Amino acid sequence: QVQLVESGGGLVQPGGSLRLSCAASGRTVSSYAMAWFRQAPGKEREFVAAISWSSQHITYADSVKGRFTISKDNAKNTVYLQMNSLKPEDTAVYYCAASRGTWGSASYNYDYWGQGTQVTVSS
């Protein structure tokens, strides 16, 4: 089993940047496919980015492609989401998730979830 704790959220102006971190404990992230999802008020949770257990495969939602970067540091047991050129529509609670098997954009593939970190993009 793995426990996930997100950090790095906050208030940022449009066009700004944030880096979210997801620290894992219990098991090493090298054993899991990892992903970020987000949920805005009144909306369903949506996929943001995913990285395979080997880090060889990465995929992004079209809405963040070219602006967000997911990465995994096995030595620090941490997954990151670098978010650049932020827009007001990126405002949401961001969740980190881990999968023991299949990776990708479907939330049902993920077995473990963090509590989330709030990102607010506003002037």
PDB file of N, CA and C in Angstrom:
ATOM      1  N   GLN A   1       0.840  -1.180   0.000  1.00  0.00           N
ATOM      2  CA  GLN A   1       0.000   0.000   0.000  1.00  0.00           C
ATOM      3  C   GLN A   1       0.878   1.234   0.000  1.00  0.00           C
ATOM      4  N   VAL A   2       0.371   2.324  -0.568  1.00  0.00           N
ATOM      5  CA  VAL A   2       1.125   3.565  -0.638  1.00  0.00           C
ATOM      6  C   VAL A   2       0.238   4.710  -0.172  1.00  0.00           C
ATOM      7  N   GLN A   3       0.834   5.639   0.561  1.00  0.00           N
ATOM      8  CA  GLN A   3       0.139   6.851   0.995  1.00  0.00           C
ATOM      9  C   GLN A   3       0.688   8.017   0.185  1.00  0.00           C
ATOM     10  N   LEU A   4      -0.213   8.906  -0.246  1.00  0.00           N
ATOM     11  CA  LEU A   4       0.159  10.031  -1.096  1.00  0.00           C
ATOM     12  C   LEU A   4      -0.233  11.346  -0.438  1.00  0.00           C
ATOM     13  N   VAL A   5       0.700  12.299  -0.442  1.00  0.00           N
ATOM     14  CA  VAL A   5       0.437  13.613   0.139  1.00  0.00           C
ATOM     15  C   VAL A   5       0.862  14.681  -0.866  1.00  0.00           C
ATOM     16  N   GLU A   6      -0.112  15.479  -1.300  1.00  0.00           N
ATOM     17  CA  GLU A   6       0.168  16.558  -2.243  1.00  0.00           C
ATOM     18  C   GLU A   6       0.537  17.845  -1.514  1.00  0.00           C
ATOM     19  N   SER A   7       1.327  18.675  -2.195  1.00  0.00           N
ATOM     20  CA  SER A   7       1.667  19.991  -1.676  1.00  0.00           C
ATOM     21  C   SER A   7       2.019  20.895  -2.856  1.00  0.00           C
ATOM     22  N   GLY A   8       2.135  22.196  -2.564  1.00  0.00           N
ATOM     23  CA  GLY A   8       2.558  23.138  -3.589  1.00  0.00           C
ATOM     24  C   GLY A   8       1.463  23.978  -4.197  1.00  0.00           C
ATOM     25  N   GLY A   9       0.223  23.711  -3.802  1.00  0.00           N
ATOM     26  CA  GLY A   9      -0.868  24.523  -4.322  1.00  0.00           C
ATOM     27  C   GLY A   9      -0.858  25.923  -3.737  1.00  0.00           C
ATOM     28  N   GLY A  10      -1.716  26.777  -4.285  1.00  0.00           N
ATOM     29  CA  GLY A  10      -1.811  28.142  -3.779  1.00  0.00           C
ATOM     30  C   GLY A  10      -2.517  29.041  -4.758  1.00  0.00           C
ATOM     31  N   LEU A  11      -2.390  30.338  -4.501  1.00  0.00           N
ATOM     32  CA  LEU A  11      -2.997  31.364  -5.346  1.00  0.00           C
ATOM     33  C   LEU A  11      -1.930  31.932  -6.275  1.00  0.00           C
ATOM     34  N   VAL A  12      -2.237  31.987  -7.565  1.00  0.00           N
ATOM     35  CA  VAL A  12      -1.282  32.498  -8.544  1.00  0.00           C
ATOM     36  C   VAL A  12      -2.040  33.317  -9.580  1.00  0.00           C
ATOM     37  N   GLN A  13      -1.371  34.308 -10.141  1.00  0.00           N
ATOM     38  CA  GLN A  13      -2.001  35.138 -11.163  1.00  0.00           C
ATOM     39  C   GLN A  13      -2.002  34.423 -12.509  1.00  0.00           C
ATOM     40  N   PRO A  14      -2.938  34.766 -13.375  1.00  0.00           N
ATOM     41  CA  PRO A  14      -2.920  34.185 -14.734  1.00  0.00           C
ATOM     42  C   PRO A  14      -1.572  34.413 -15.404  1.00  0.00           C
ATOM     43  N   GLY A  15      -1.084  33.366 -16.065  1.00  0.00           N
ATOM     44  CA  GLY A  15       0.227  33.416 -16.686  1.00  0.00           C
ATOM     45  C   GLY A  15       1.351  32.951 -15.792  1.00  0.00           C
ATOM     46  N   GLY A  16       1.051  32.764 -14.519  1.00  0.00           N
ATOM     47  CA  GLY A  16       2.068  32.343 -13.560  1.00  0.00           C
ATOM     48  C   GLY A  16       2.321  30.849 -13.576  1.00  0.00           C
ATOM     49  N   SER A  17       3.178  30.416 -12.646  1.00  0.00           N
ATOM     50  CA  SER A  17       3.577  29.006 -12.576  1.00  0.00           C
ATOM     51  C   SER A  17       3.483  28.492 -11.142  1.00  0.00           C
ATOM     52  N   LEU A  18       3.257  27.201 -11.036  1.00  0.00           N
ATOM     53  CA  LEU A  18       3.310  26.491  -9.767  1.00  0.00           C
ATOM     54  C   LEU A  18       3.886  25.108 -10.014  1.00  0.00           C
ATOM     55  N   ARG A  19       4.526  24.557  -8.995  1.00  0.00           N
ATOM     56  CA  ARG A  19       4.950  23.163  -9.077  1.00  0.00           C
ATOM     57  C   ARG A  19       4.312  22.384  -7.931  1.00  0.00           C
ATOM     58  N   LEU A  20       3.504  21.422  -8.288  1.00  0.00           N
ATOM     59  CA  LEU A  20       2.891  20.545  -7.293  1.00  0.00           C
ATOM     60  C   LEU A  20       3.793  19.339  -7.047  1.00  0.00           C
ATOM     61  N   SER A  21       3.802  18.894  -5.792  1.00  0.00           N
ATOM     62  CA  SER A  21       4.558  17.708  -5.422  1.00  0.00           C
ATOM     63  C   SER A  21       3.611  16.678  -4.822  1.00  0.00           C
ATOM     64  N   CYS A  22       3.942  15.424  -5.027  1.00  0.00           N
ATOM     65  CA  CYS A  22       3.176  14.313  -4.454  1.00  0.00           C
ATOM     66  C   CYS A  22       4.186  13.366  -3.819  1.00  0.00           C
ATOM     67  N   ALA A  23       4.261  13.403  -2.503  1.00  0.00           N
ATOM     68  CA  ALA A  23       5.203  12.560  -1.780  1.00  0.00           C
ATOM     69  C   ALA A  23       4.534  11.236  -1.429  1.00  0.00           C
ATOM     70  N   ALA A  24       5.219  10.154  -1.745  1.00  0.00           N
ATOM     71  CA  ALA A  24       4.679   8.821  -1.485  1.00  0.00           C
ATOM     72  C   ALA A  24       5.411   8.174  -0.326  1.00  0.00           C
ATOM     73  N   SER A  25       4.675   7.414   0.459  1.00  0.00           N
ATOM     74  CA  SER A  25       5.279   6.634   1.527  1.00  0.00           C
ATOM     75  C   SER A  25       4.644   5.254   1.532  1.00  0.00           C
ATOM     76  N   GLY A  26       5.362   4.309   2.064  1.00  0.00           N
ATOM     77  CA  GLY A  26       4.857   2.946   2.116  1.00  0.00           C
ATOM     78  C   GLY A  26       5.420   2.074   1.008  1.00  0.00           C
ATOM     79  N   ARG A  27       5.449   2.593  -0.182  1.00  0.00           N
ATOM     80  CA  ARG A  27       6.024   1.883  -1.326  1.00  0.00           C
ATOM     81  C   ARG A  27       6.696   2.915  -2.218  1.00  0.00           C
ATOM     82  N   THR A  28       7.666   2.473  -3.015  1.00  0.00           N
ATOM     83  CA  THR A  28       8.360   3.389  -3.900  1.00  0.00           C
ATOM     84  C   THR A  28       7.535   3.682  -5.146  1.00  0.00           C
ATOM     85  N   VAL A  29       7.587   4.919  -5.602  1.00  0.00           N
ATOM     86  CA  VAL A  29       6.806   5.305  -6.786  1.00  0.00           C
ATOM     87  C   VAL A  29       7.320   4.617  -8.038  1.00  0.00           C
ATOM     88  N   SER A  30       8.524   4.054  -7.987  1.00  0.00           N
ATOM     89  CA  SER A  30       9.048   3.346  -9.152  1.00  0.00           C
ATOM     90  C   SER A  30       8.214   2.110  -9.473  1.00  0.00           C
ATOM     91  N   SER A  31       7.397   1.660  -8.516  1.00  0.00           N
ATOM     92  CA  SER A  31       6.572   0.476  -8.721  1.00  0.00           C
ATOM     93  C   SER A  31       5.196   0.798  -9.274  1.00  0.00           C
ATOM     94  N   TYR A  32       4.872   2.076  -9.392  1.00  0.00           N
ATOM     95  CA  TYR A  32       3.521   2.491  -9.736  1.00  0.00           C
ATOM     96  C   TYR A  32       3.501   3.419 -10.941  1.00  0.00           C
ATOM     97  N   ALA A  33       2.429   3.315 -11.691  1.00  0.00           N
ATOM     98  CA  ALA A  33       2.091   4.379 -12.619  1.00  0.00           C
ATOM     99  C   ALA A  33       1.453   5.490 -11.782  1.00  0.00           C
ATOM    100  N   MET A  34       1.743   6.734 -12.122  1.00  0.00           N
ATOM    101  CA  MET A  34       1.261   7.861 -11.335  1.00  0.00           C
ATOM    102  C   MET A  34       0.517   8.841 -12.229  1.00  0.00           C
ATOM    103  N   ALA A  35      -0.401   9.573 -11.619  1.00  0.00           N
ATOM    104  CA  ALA A  35      -1.179  10.527 -12.401  1.00  0.00           C
ATOM    105  C   ALA A  35      -1.623  11.697 -11.536  1.00  0.00           C
ATOM    106  N   TRP A  36      -2.008  12.757 -12.218  1.00  0.00           N
ATOM    107  CA  TRP A  36      -2.650  13.907 -11.588  1.00  0.00           C
ATOM    108  C   TRP A  36      -4.037  14.070 -12.201  1.00  0.00           C
ATOM    109  N   PHE A  37      -4.994  14.294 -11.330  1.00  0.00           N
ATOM    110  CA  PHE A  37      -6.357  14.640 -11.716  1.00  0.00           C
ATOM    111  C   PHE A  37      -6.722  15.947 -11.049  1.00  0.00           C
ATOM    112  N   ARG A  38      -7.802  16.568 -11.478  1.00  0.00           N
ATOM    113  CA  ARG A  38      -8.265  17.786 -10.829  1.00  0.00           C
ATOM    114  C   ARG A  38      -9.782  17.833 -10.835  1.00  0.00           C
ATOM    115  N   GLN A  39     -10.304  18.591  -9.884  1.00  0.00           N
ATOM    116  CA  GLN A  39     -11.750  18.756  -9.784  1.00  0.00           C
ATOM    117  C   GLN A  39     -12.069  20.194  -9.437  1.00  0.00           C
ATOM    118  N   ALA A  40     -12.769  20.851 -10.339  1.00  0.00           N
ATOM    119  CA  ALA A  40     -13.208  22.224 -10.120  1.00  0.00           C
ATOM    120  C   ALA A  40     -14.574  22.207  -9.443  1.00  0.00           C
ATOM    121  N   PRO A  41     -14.944  23.279  -8.752  1.00  0.00           N
ATOM    122  CA  PRO A  41     -16.247  23.330  -8.075  1.00  0.00           C
ATOM    123  C   PRO A  41     -17.401  23.059  -9.028  1.00  0.00           C
ATOM    124  N   GLY A  42     -18.262  22.129  -8.659  1.00  0.00           N
ATOM    125  CA  GLY A  42     -19.421  21.820  -9.472  1.00  0.00           C
ATOM    126  C   GLY A  42     -19.147  20.981 -10.700  1.00  0.00           C
ATOM    127  N   LYS A  43     -17.910  20.505 -10.832  1.00  0.00           N
ATOM    128  CA  LYS A  43     -17.563  19.708 -12.013  1.00  0.00           C
ATOM    129  C   LYS A  43     -17.048  18.330 -11.589  1.00  0.00           C
ATOM    130  N   GLU A  44     -17.033  17.422 -12.567  1.00  0.00           N
ATOM    131  CA  GLU A  44     -16.510  16.078 -12.320  1.00  0.00           C
ATOM    132  C   GLU A  44     -14.980  16.133 -12.254  1.00  0.00           C
ATOM    133  N   ARG A  45     -14.417  15.136 -11.590  1.00  0.00           N
ATOM    134  CA  ARG A  45     -12.960  15.017 -11.563  1.00  0.00           C
ATOM    135  C   ARG A  45     -12.478  14.699 -12.976  1.00  0.00           C
ATOM    136  N   GLU A  46     -11.396  15.365 -13.400  1.00  0.00           N
ATOM    137  CA  GLU A  46     -10.895  15.145 -14.745  1.00  0.00           C
ATOM    138  C   GLU A  46      -9.403  14.843 -14.740  1.00  0.00           C
ATOM    139  N   PHE A  47      -8.996  14.093 -15.742  1.00  0.00           N
ATOM    140  CA  PHE A  47      -7.607  13.709 -15.905  1.00  0.00           C
ATOM    141  C   PHE A  47      -6.758  14.898 -16.314  1.00  0.00           C
ATOM    142  N   VAL A  48      -5.529  14.959 -15.786  1.00  0.00           N
ATOM    143  CA  VAL A  48      -4.588  16.010 -16.152  1.00  0.00           C
ATOM    144  C   VAL A  48      -3.359  15.423 -16.854  1.00  0.00           C
ATOM    145  N   ALA A  49      -2.672  14.486 -16.182  1.00  0.00           N
ATOM    146  CA  ALA A  49      -1.437  13.933 -16.743  1.00  0.00           C
ATOM    147  C   ALA A  49      -1.143  12.600 -16.070  1.00  0.00           C
ATOM    148  N   ALA A  50      -0.428  11.722 -16.790  1.00  0.00           N
ATOM    149  CA  ALA A  50      -0.044  10.430 -16.234  1.00  0.00           C
ATOM    150  C   ALA A  50       1.336  10.044 -16.729  1.00  0.00           C
ATOM    151  N   ILE A  51       2.036   9.259 -15.893  1.00  0.00           N
ATOM    152  CA  ILE A  51       3.367   8.786 -16.230  1.00  0.00           C
ATOM    153  C   ILE A  51       3.438   7.308 -15.856  1.00  0.00           C
ATOM    154  N   SER A  52       3.994   6.490 -16.746  1.00  0.00           N
ATOM    155  CA  SER A  52       4.068   5.056 -16.500  1.00  0.00           C
ATOM    156  C   SER A  52       5.089   4.753 -15.408  1.00  0.00           C
ATOM    157  N   TRP A  53       5.068   3.505 -14.904  1.00  0.00           N
ATOM    158  CA  TRP A  53       5.950   3.151 -13.802  1.00  0.00           C
ATOM    159  C   TRP A  53       7.422   3.321 -14.197  1.00  0.00           C
ATOM    160  N   SER A  54       7.723   3.087 -15.492  1.00  0.00           N
ATOM    161  CA  SER A  54       9.099   3.199 -15.966  1.00  0.00           C
ATOM    162  C   SER A  54       9.480   4.617 -16.356  1.00  0.00           C
ATOM    163  N   SER A  55       8.489   5.512 -16.349  1.00  0.00           N
ATOM    164  CA  SER A  55       8.638   6.906 -16.805  1.00  0.00           C
ATOM    165  C   SER A  55       8.867   7.016 -18.302  1.00  0.00           C
ATOM    166  N   GLN A  56       8.723   5.911 -19.025  1.00  0.00           N
ATOM    167  CA  GLN A  56       8.957   5.949 -20.471  1.00  0.00           C
ATOM    168  C   GLN A  56       7.745   6.471 -21.237  1.00  0.00           C
ATOM    169  N   HIS A  57       6.577   6.405 -20.611  1.00  0.00           N
ATOM    170  CA  HIS A  57       5.355   6.826 -21.287  1.00  0.00           C
ATOM    171  C   HIS A  57       4.669   7.906 -20.470  1.00  0.00           C
ATOM    172  N   ILE A  58       4.292   8.974 -21.151  1.00  0.00           N
ATOM    173  CA  ILE A  58       3.631  10.105 -20.518  1.00  0.00           C
ATOM    174  C   ILE A  58       2.482  10.548 -21.413  1.00  0.00           C
ATOM    175  N   THR A  59       1.387  10.949 -20.789  1.00  0.00           N
ATOM    176  CA  THR A  59       0.263  11.465 -21.552  1.00  0.00           C
ATOM    177  C   THR A  59      -0.363  12.638 -20.802  1.00  0.00           C
ATOM    178  N   TYR A  60      -0.952  13.556 -21.559  1.00  0.00           N
ATOM    179  CA  TYR A  60      -1.565  14.758 -20.990  1.00  0.00           C
ATOM    180  C   TYR A  60      -2.958  14.957 -21.557  1.00  0.00           C
ATOM    181  N   ALA A  61      -3.788  15.618 -20.780  1.00  0.00           N
ATOM    182  CA  ALA A  61      -5.057  16.100 -21.294  1.00  0.00           C
ATOM    183  C   ALA A  61      -4.774  17.201 -22.308  1.00  0.00           C
ATOM    184  N   ASP A  62      -5.608  17.303 -23.313  1.00  0.00           N
ATOM    185  CA  ASP A  62      -5.400  18.319 -24.352  1.00  0.00           C
ATOM    186  C   ASP A  62      -5.383  19.732 -23.756  1.00  0.00           C
ATOM    187  N   SER A  63      -6.155  19.930 -22.706  1.00  0.00           N
ATOM    188  CA  SER A  63      -6.291  21.264 -22.121  1.00  0.00           C
ATOM    189  C   SER A  63      -5.015  21.757 -21.449  1.00  0.00           C
ATOM    190  N   VAL A  64      -4.084  20.843 -21.127  1.00  0.00           N
ATOM    191  CA  VAL A  64      -2.861  21.258 -20.435  1.00  0.00           C
ATOM    192  C   VAL A  64      -1.604  20.961 -21.253  1.00  0.00           C
ATOM    193  N   LYS A  65      -1.765  20.311 -22.390  1.00  0.00           N
ATOM    194  CA  LYS A  65      -0.616  19.918 -23.203  1.00  0.00           C
ATOM    195  C   LYS A  65       0.183  21.159 -23.609  1.00  0.00           C
ATOM    196  N   GLY A  66       1.497  21.089 -23.428  1.00  0.00           N
ATOM    197  CA  GLY A  66       2.367  22.209 -23.756  1.00  0.00           C
ATOM    198  C   GLY A  66       2.555  23.197 -22.614  1.00  0.00           C
ATOM    199  N   ARG A  67       1.736  23.068 -21.571  1.00  0.00           N
ATOM    200  CA  ARG A  67       1.836  23.986 -20.419  1.00  0.00           C
ATOM    201  C   ARG A  67       2.258  23.248 -19.144  1.00  0.00           C
ATOM    202  N   PHE A  68       1.809  22.011 -18.986  1.00  0.00           N
ATOM    203  CA  PHE A  68       2.096  21.226 -17.778  1.00  0.00           C
ATOM    204  C   PHE A  68       3.099  20.123 -18.105  1.00  0.00           C
ATOM    205  N   THR A  69       3.914  19.775 -17.099  1.00  0.00           N
ATOM    206  CA  THR A  69       4.871  18.687 -17.250  1.00  0.00           C
ATOM    207  C   THR A  69       4.829  17.795 -16.015  1.00  0.00           C
ATOM    208  N   ILE A  70       4.625  16.494 -16.223  1.00  0.00           N
ATOM    209  CA  ILE A  70       4.659  15.531 -15.124  1.00  0.00           C
ATOM    210  C   ILE A  70       6.020  14.855 -15.113  1.00  0.00           C
ATOM    211  N   SER A  71       6.539  14.616 -13.913  1.00  0.00           N
ATOM    212  CA  SER A  71       7.816  13.925 -13.787  1.00  0.00           C
ATOM    213  C   SER A  71       7.835  13.130 -12.495  1.00  0.00           C
ATOM    214  N   LYS A  72       8.776  12.193 -12.422  1.00  0.00           N
ATOM    215  CA  LYS A  72       8.850  11.316 -11.261  1.00  0.00           C
ATOM    216  C   LYS A  72      10.301  11.208 -10.834  1.00  0.00           C
ATOM    217  N   ASP A  73      10.565  11.424  -9.541  1.00  0.00           N
ATOM    218  CA  ASP A  73      11.899  11.284  -8.976  1.00  0.00           C
ATOM    219  C   ASP A  73      11.880  10.080  -8.045  1.00  0.00           C
ATOM    220  N   ASN A  74      12.375   8.951  -8.538  1.00  0.00           N
ATOM    221  CA  ASN A  74      12.320   7.725  -7.741  1.00  0.00           C
ATOM    222  C   ASN A  74      13.173   7.829  -6.472  1.00  0.00           C
ATOM    223  N   ALA A  75      14.275   8.544  -6.542  1.00  0.00           N
ATOM    224  CA  ALA A  75      15.156   8.682  -5.380  1.00  0.00           C
ATOM    225  C   ALA A  75      14.467   9.432  -4.247  1.00  0.00           C
ATOM    226  N   LYS A  76      13.628  10.406  -4.611  1.00  0.00           N
ATOM    227  CA  LYS A  76      12.898  11.191  -3.597  1.00  0.00           C
ATOM    228  C   LYS A  76      11.497  10.644  -3.363  1.00  0.00           C
ATOM    229  N   ASN A  77      11.143   9.610  -4.116  1.00  0.00           N
ATOM    230  CA  ASN A  77       9.812   9.006  -3.992  1.00  0.00           C
ATOM    231  C   ASN A  77       8.708  10.048  -4.161  1.00  0.00           C
ATOM    232  N   THR A  78       8.884  10.885  -5.145  1.00  0.00           N
ATOM    233  CA  THR A  78       7.995  12.028  -5.338  1.00  0.00           C
ATOM    234  C   THR A  78       7.648  12.188  -6.821  1.00  0.00           C
ATOM    235  N   VAL A  79       6.411  12.582  -7.051  1.00  0.00           N
ATOM    236  CA  VAL A  79       5.949  12.918  -8.396  1.00  0.00           C
ATOM    237  C   VAL A  79       5.641  14.410  -8.434  1.00  0.00           C
ATOM    238  N   TYR A  80       5.949  15.031  -9.550  1.00  0.00           N
ATOM    239  CA  TYR A  80       5.769  16.482  -9.678  1.00  0.00           C
ATOM    240  C   TYR A  80       4.827  16.803 -10.835  1.00  0.00           C
ATOM    241  N   LEU A  81       4.208  17.961 -10.722  1.00  0.00           N
ATOM    242  CA  LEU A  81       3.448  18.524 -11.831  1.00  0.00           C
ATOM    243  C   LEU A  81       3.856  19.990 -11.943  1.00  0.00           C
ATOM    244  N   GLN A  82       4.669  20.287 -12.938  1.00  0.00           N
ATOM    245  CA  GLN A  82       5.066  21.670 -13.208  1.00  0.00           C
ATOM    246  C   GLN A  82       3.996  22.292 -14.084  1.00  0.00           C
ATOM    247  N   MET A  83       3.421  23.386 -13.594  1.00  0.00           N
ATOM    248  CA  MET A  83       2.326  24.041 -14.301  1.00  0.00           C
ATOM    249  C   MET A  83       2.749  25.451 -14.683  1.00  0.00           C
ATOM    250  N   ASN A  84       2.814  25.714 -15.963  1.00  0.00           N
ATOM    251  CA  ASN A  84       3.189  27.031 -16.489  1.00  0.00           C
ATOM    252  C   ASN A  84       2.019  27.649 -17.243  1.00  0.00           C
ATOM    253  N   SER A  85       2.110  28.938 -17.477  1.00  0.00           N
ATOM    254  CA  SER A  85       1.078  29.671 -18.235  1.00  0.00           C
ATOM    255  C   SER A  85      -0.313  29.352 -17.701  1.00  0.00           C
ATOM    256  N   LEU A  86      -0.463  29.442 -16.402  1.00  0.00           N
ATOM    257  CA  LEU A  86      -1.724  29.063 -15.780  1.00  0.00           C
ATOM    258  C   LEU A  86      -2.853  29.996 -16.183  1.00  0.00           C
ATOM    259  N   LYS A  87      -4.046  29.388 -16.280  1.00  0.00           N
ATOM    260  CA  LYS A  87      -5.241  30.111 -16.683  1.00  0.00           C
ATOM    261  C   LYS A  87      -6.290  30.004 -15.572  1.00  0.00           C
ATOM    262  N   PRO A  88      -7.241  30.918 -15.516  1.00  0.00           N
ATOM    263  CA  PRO A  88      -8.299  30.815 -14.493  1.00  0.00           C
ATOM    264  C   PRO A  88      -9.027  29.466 -14.552  1.00  0.00           C
ATOM    265  N   GLU A  89      -9.177  28.898 -15.728  1.00  0.00           N
ATOM    266  CA  GLU A  89      -9.863  27.607 -15.852  1.00  0.00           C
ATOM    267  C   GLU A  89      -9.052  26.425 -15.308  1.00  0.00           C
ATOM    268  N   ASP A  90      -7.803  26.687 -14.899  1.00  0.00           N
ATOM    269  CA  ASP A  90      -7.014  25.642 -14.233  1.00  0.00           C
ATOM    270  C   ASP A  90      -7.319  25.576 -12.743  1.00  0.00           C
ATOM    271  N   THR A  91      -8.122  26.496 -12.248  1.00  0.00           N
ATOM    272  CA  THR A  91      -8.491  26.502 -10.833  1.00  0.00           C
ATOM    273  C   THR A  91      -9.231  25.225 -10.472  1.00  0.00           C
ATOM    274  N   ALA A  92      -8.718  24.514  -9.467  1.00  0.00           N
ATOM    275  CA  ALA A  92      -9.303  23.235  -9.065  1.00  0.00           C
ATOM    276  C   ALA A  92      -8.523  22.690  -7.876  1.00  0.00           C
ATOM    277  N   VAL A  93      -9.068  21.636  -7.282  1.00  0.00           N
ATOM    278  CA  VAL A  93      -8.292  20.824  -6.345  1.00  0.00           C
ATOM    279  C   VAL A  93      -7.573  19.766  -7.180  1.00  0.00           C
ATOM    280  N   TYR A  94      -6.276  19.674  -6.988  1.00  0.00           N
ATOM    281  CA  TYR A  94      -5.458  18.732  -7.756  1.00  0.00           C
ATOM    282  C   TYR A  94      -5.135  17.516  -6.886  1.00  0.00           C
ATOM    283  N   TYR A  95      -5.362  16.335  -7.460  1.00  0.00           N
ATOM    284  CA  TYR A  95      -5.149  15.074  -6.755  1.00  0.00           C
ATOM    285  C   TYR A  95      -4.068  14.241  -7.437  1.00  0.00           C
ATOM    286  N   CYS A  96      -3.248  13.628  -6.616  1.00  0.00           N
ATOM    287  CA  CYS A  96      -2.258  12.675  -7.076  1.00  0.00           C
ATOM    288  C   CYS A  96      -2.845  11.267  -6.919  1.00  0.00           C
ATOM    289  N   ALA A  97      -2.508  10.369  -7.858  1.00  0.00           N
ATOM    290  CA  ALA A  97      -3.039   9.015  -7.794  1.00  0.00           C
ATOM    291  C   ALA A  97      -1.982   8.017  -8.245  1.00  0.00           C
ATOM    292  N   ALA A  98      -2.073   6.792  -7.721  1.00  0.00           N
ATOM    293  CA  ALA A  98      -1.119   5.733  -8.052  1.00  0.00           C
ATOM    294  C   ALA A  98      -1.853   4.480  -8.490  1.00  0.00           C
ATOM    295  N   SER A  99      -1.283   3.825  -9.504  1.00  0.00           N
ATOM    296  CA  SER A  99      -1.870   2.590 -10.030  1.00  0.00           C
ATOM    297  C   SER A  99      -0.868   1.448  -9.947  1.00  0.00           C
ATOM    298  N   ARG A 100      -1.333   0.308  -9.471  1.00  0.00           N
ATOM    299  CA  ARG A 100      -0.471  -0.880  -9.420  1.00  0.00           C
ATOM    300  C   ARG A 100      -0.385  -1.563 -10.771  1.00  0.00           C
ATOM    301  N   GLY A 101      -1.264  -1.205 -11.683  1.00  0.00           N
ATOM    302  CA  GLY A 101      -1.287  -1.897 -12.965  1.00  0.00           C
ATOM    303  C   GLY A 101      -1.401  -0.949 -14.132  1.00  0.00           C
ATOM    304  N   THR A 102      -2.558  -0.942 -14.767  1.00  0.00           N
ATOM    305  CA  THR A 102      -2.770  -0.143 -15.967  1.00  0.00           C
ATOM    306  C   THR A 102      -2.646   1.344 -15.662  1.00  0.00           C
ATOM    307  N   TRP A 103      -2.021   2.077 -16.560  1.00  0.00           N
ATOM    308  CA  TRP A 103      -1.919   3.522 -16.389  1.00  0.00           C
ATOM    309  C   TRP A 103      -2.760   4.179 -17.476  1.00  0.00           C
ATOM    310  N   GLY A 104      -2.882   5.501 -17.422  1.00  0.00           N
ATOM    311  CA  GLY A 104      -3.642   6.202 -18.439  1.00  0.00           C
ATOM    312  C   GLY A 104      -4.555   7.235 -17.837  1.00  0.00           C
ATOM    313  N   SER A 105      -5.584   7.620 -18.583  1.00  0.00           N
ATOM    314  CA  SER A 105      -6.422   8.744 -18.196  1.00  0.00           C
ATOM    315  C   SER A 105      -7.679   8.368 -17.418  1.00  0.00           C
ATOM    316  N   ALA A 106      -7.968   7.101 -17.263  1.00  0.00           N
ATOM    317  CA  ALA A 106      -9.189   6.694 -16.579  1.00  0.00           C
ATOM    318  C   ALA A 106      -8.965   6.597 -15.082  1.00  0.00           C
ATOM    319  N   SER A 107      -9.789   7.297 -14.315  1.00  0.00           N
ATOM    320  CA  SER A 107      -9.587   7.332 -12.865  1.00  0.00           C
ATOM    321  C   SER A 107      -9.765   5.962 -12.218  1.00  0.00           C
ATOM    322  N   TYR A 108     -10.575   5.100 -12.826  1.00  0.00           N
ATOM    323  CA  TYR A 108     -10.815   3.788 -12.220  1.00  0.00           C
ATOM    324  C   TYR A 108      -9.583   2.887 -12.270  1.00  0.00           C
ATOM    325  N   ASN A 109      -8.566   3.269 -13.020  1.00  0.00           N
ATOM    326  CA  ASN A 109      -7.321   2.495 -13.060  1.00  0.00           C
ATOM    327  C   ASN A 109      -6.456   2.721 -11.831  1.00  0.00           C
ATOM    328  N   TYR A 110      -6.769   3.747 -11.048  1.00  0.00           N
ATOM    329  CA  TYR A 110      -5.893   4.153  -9.965  1.00  0.00           C
ATOM    330  C   TYR A 110      -6.405   3.644  -8.628  1.00  0.00           C
ATOM    331  N   ASP A 111      -5.477   3.090  -7.853  1.00  0.00           N
ATOM    332  CA  ASP A 111      -5.830   2.405  -6.606  1.00  0.00           C
ATOM    333  C   ASP A 111      -5.705   3.283  -5.373  1.00  0.00           C
ATOM    334  N   TYR A 112      -4.818   4.268  -5.425  1.00  0.00           N
ATOM    335  CA  TYR A 112      -4.541   5.099  -4.258  1.00  0.00           C
ATOM    336  C   TYR A 112      -4.620   6.570  -4.651  1.00  0.00           C
ATOM    337  N   TRP A 113      -5.153   7.363  -3.727  1.00  0.00           N
ATOM    338  CA  TRP A 113      -5.368   8.784  -3.978  1.00  0.00           C
ATOM    339  C   TRP A 113      -4.901   9.606  -2.792  1.00  0.00           C
ATOM    340  N   GLY A 114      -4.387  10.797  -3.082  1.00  0.00           N
ATOM    341  CA  GLY A 114      -4.082  11.752  -2.038  1.00  0.00           C
ATOM    342  C   GLY A 114      -5.312  12.567  -1.679  1.00  0.00           C
ATOM    343  N   GLN A 115      -5.127  13.497  -0.741  1.00  0.00           N
ATOM    344  CA  GLN A 115      -6.233  14.319  -0.261  1.00  0.00           C
ATOM    345  C   GLN A 115      -6.470  15.557  -1.118  1.00  0.00           C
ATOM    346  N   GLY A 116      -5.498  15.909  -1.929  1.00  0.00           N
ATOM    347  CA  GLY A 116      -5.669  17.042  -2.830  1.00  0.00           C
ATOM    348  C   GLY A 116      -5.020  18.314  -2.325  1.00  0.00           C
ATOM    349  N   THR A 117      -4.695  19.197  -3.271  1.00  0.00           N
ATOM    350  CA  THR A 117      -4.162  20.515  -2.951  1.00  0.00           C
ATOM    351  C   THR A 117      -4.848  21.530  -3.860  1.00  0.00           C
ATOM    352  N   GLN A 118      -5.246  22.659  -3.259  1.00  0.00           N
ATOM    353  CA  GLN A 118      -6.021  23.665  -3.989  1.00  0.00           C
ATOM    354  C   GLN A 118      -5.100  24.547  -4.832  1.00  0.00           C
ATOM    355  N   VAL A 119      -5.476  24.721  -6.079  1.00  0.00           N
ATOM    356  CA  VAL A 119      -4.806  25.669  -6.972  1.00  0.00           C
ATOM    357  C   VAL A 119      -5.846  26.685  -7.421  1.00  0.00           C
ATOM    358  N   THR A 120      -5.551  27.966  -7.192  1.00  0.00           N
ATOM    359  CA  THR A 120      -6.456  29.035  -7.593  1.00  0.00           C
ATOM    360  C   THR A 120      -5.698  29.995  -8.488  1.00  0.00           C
ATOM    361  N   VAL A 121      -6.227  30.209  -9.685  1.00  0.00           N
ATOM    362  CA  VAL A 121      -5.606  31.119 -10.650  1.00  0.00           C
ATOM    363  C   VAL A 121      -6.532  32.319 -10.806  1.00  0.00           C
ATOM    364  N   SER A 122      -6.075  33.452 -10.291  1.00  0.00           N
ATOM    365  CA  SER A 122      -6.930  34.636 -10.282  1.00  0.00           C
ATOM    366  C   SER A 122      -6.086  35.886 -10.148  1.00  0.00           C
ATOM    367  N   SER A 123      -6.576  36.970 -10.757  1.00  0.00           N
ATOM    368  CA  SER A 123      -5.888  38.243 -10.606  1.00  0.00           C
ATOM    369  C   SER A 123      -6.503  39.048  -9.471  1.00  0.00           C
TER     370      SER A 123
END
